[in-house]
Amino acid sequence: MTDKRVRFDFEIDFSNGGGLQGQDFRLDIDGDDISDADLADYIVADMRLLMVGEVRILNKAIIEEAHKRKD
């Protein structure tokens, strides 16, 4: 069985100013899909970001590729 990953770009605006961007970012996922809202929540939690305003997910694609993260 092939693992599923999500490849995407993102933009994060902070409520106290500034922002963060990522291009061609990849994350392991469980299942065949992940919603933009769940993906945004995952990024914010995993990166331990504070004062997050808006998160935009762009160019999202589900790909078949071995998972990289070891739990």
C-alpha atoms as a PDB file:
ATOM      1  CA  MET A   1       0.000   0.000   0.000  1.00  0.00           C
ATOM      2  CA  THR A   2       1.293   3.437  -0.949  1.00  0.00           C
ATOM      3  CA  ASP A   3       1.176   6.238   1.599  1.00  0.00           C
ATOM      4  CA  LYS A   4      -0.589   9.510   0.862  1.00  0.00           C
ATOM      5  CA  ARG A   5       0.980  12.911   1.303  1.00  0.00           C
ATOM      6  CA  VAL A   6      -0.266  16.384   0.562  1.00  0.00           C
ATOM      7  CA  ARG A   7       1.856  18.871  -1.395  1.00  0.00           C
ATOM      8  CA  PHE A   8       0.826  22.526  -1.151  1.00  0.00           C
ATOM      9  CA  ASP A   9       1.772  26.157  -0.792  1.00  0.00           C
ATOM     10  CA  PHE A  10       0.603  28.244   2.149  1.00  0.00           C
ATOM     11  CA  GLU A  11       0.454  31.810   3.376  1.00  0.00           C
ATOM     12  CA  ILE A  12      -0.043  32.718   7.021  1.00  0.00           C
ATOM     13  CA  ASP A  13      -0.842  36.214   8.274  1.00  0.00           C
ATOM     14  CA  PHE A  14      -0.184  37.026  11.914  1.00  0.00           C
ATOM     15  CA  SER A  15      -2.635  39.185  13.830  1.00  0.00           C
ATOM     16  CA  ASN A  16       0.228  41.265  15.263  1.00  0.00           C
ATOM     17  CA  GLY A  17       1.777  41.870  11.810  1.00  0.00           C
ATOM     18  CA  GLY A  18       4.028  39.945   9.476  1.00  0.00           C
ATOM     19  CA  GLY A  19       3.517  36.620   7.813  1.00  0.00           C
ATOM     20  CA  LEU A  20       4.978  33.308   6.764  1.00  0.00           C
ATOM     21  CA  GLN A  21       4.944  31.504   3.411  1.00  0.00           C
ATOM     22  CA  GLY A  22       5.803  28.004   2.313  1.00  0.00           C
ATOM     23  CA  GLN A  23       6.111  26.646  -1.215  1.00  0.00           C
ATOM     24  CA  ASP A  24       5.930  23.017  -2.321  1.00  0.00           C
ATOM     25  CA  PHE A  25       5.494  21.972   1.324  1.00  0.00           C
ATOM     26  CA  ARG A  26       4.751  18.271   1.938  1.00  0.00           C
ATOM     27  CA  LEU A  27       3.055  16.562   4.863  1.00  0.00           C
ATOM     28  CA  ASP A  28       2.057  12.996   5.602  1.00  0.00           C
ATOM     29  CA  ILE A  29      -1.699  12.436   5.845  1.00  0.00           C
ATOM     30  CA  ASP A  30      -3.936   9.627   7.017  1.00  0.00           C
ATOM     31  CA  GLY A  31      -6.501   8.685   4.401  1.00  0.00           C
ATOM     32  CA  ASP A  32      -7.003   9.934   0.871  1.00  0.00           C
ATOM     33  CA  ASP A  33      -7.704  13.642   1.482  1.00  0.00           C
ATOM     34  CA  ILE A  34      -7.492  16.494   3.973  1.00  0.00           C
ATOM     35  CA  SER A  35      -9.598  19.658   4.058  1.00  0.00           C
ATOM     36  CA  ASP A  36      -7.934  23.064   3.781  1.00  0.00           C
ATOM     37  CA  ALA A  37      -9.198  23.935   7.282  1.00  0.00           C
ATOM     38  CA  ASP A  38      -7.731  20.750   8.804  1.00  0.00           C
ATOM     39  CA  LEU A  39      -4.471  21.300   6.941  1.00  0.00           C
ATOM     40  CA  ALA A  40      -4.255  24.892   8.209  1.00  0.00           C
ATOM     41  CA  ASP A  41      -4.922  23.720  11.787  1.00  0.00           C
ATOM     42  CA  TYR A  42      -2.231  21.041  11.437  1.00  0.00           C
ATOM     43  CA  ILE A  43       0.394  23.535  10.191  1.00  0.00           C
ATOM     44  CA  VAL A  44      -0.327  26.017  12.981  1.00  0.00           C
ATOM     45  CA  ALA A  45      -0.235  23.343  15.695  1.00  0.00           C
ATOM     46  CA  ASP A  46       2.797  21.466  14.344  1.00  0.00           C
ATOM     47  CA  MET A  47       4.839  24.665  13.960  1.00  0.00           C
ATOM     48  CA  ARG A  48       3.570  25.943  17.332  1.00  0.00           C
ATOM     49  CA  LEU A  49       2.592  29.286  15.845  1.00  0.00           C
ATOM     50  CA  LEU A  50       0.920  31.973  17.944  1.00  0.00           C
ATOM     51  CA  MET A  51      -1.098  35.055  17.011  1.00  0.00           C
ATOM     52  CA  VAL A  52      -2.220  33.491  13.718  1.00  0.00           C
ATOM     53  CA  GLY A  53      -4.754  35.481  11.729  1.00  0.00           C
ATOM     54  CA  GLU A  54      -5.592  34.037   8.318  1.00  0.00           C
ATOM     55  CA  VAL A  55      -4.151  30.874   6.747  1.00  0.00           C
ATOM     56  CA  ARG A  56      -4.450  30.329   2.999  1.00  0.00           C
ATOM     57  CA  ILE A  57      -3.805  26.937   1.394  1.00  0.00           C
ATOM     58  CA  LEU A  58      -2.875  27.091  -2.288  1.00  0.00           C
ATOM     59  CA  ASN A  59      -2.057  24.580  -5.046  1.00  0.00           C
ATOM     60  CA  LYS A  60      -2.971  21.555  -2.888  1.00  0.00           C
ATOM     61  CA  ALA A  61      -2.436  18.126  -4.432  1.00  0.00           C
ATOM     62  CA  ILE A  62      -2.618  14.666  -2.894  1.00  0.00           C
ATOM     63  CA  ILE A  63       0.334  12.546  -3.961  1.00  0.00           C
ATOM     64  CA  GLU A  64       1.398   8.943  -3.433  1.00  0.00           C
ATOM     65  CA  GLU A  65       4.738   8.845  -1.702  1.00  0.00           C
ATOM     66  CA  ALA A  66       6.180   7.047   1.297  1.00  0.00           C
ATOM     67  CA  HIS A  67       5.588   8.819   4.612  1.00  0.00           C
ATOM     68  CA  LYS A  68       8.680  10.572   5.939  1.00  0.00           C
ATOM     69  CA  ARG A  69       7.715  11.254   9.559  1.00  0.00           C
ATOM     70  CA  LYS A  70       8.184   8.521  12.118  1.00  0.00           C
ATOM     71  CA  ASP A  71       5.603   8.674  14.927  1.00  0.00           C
END
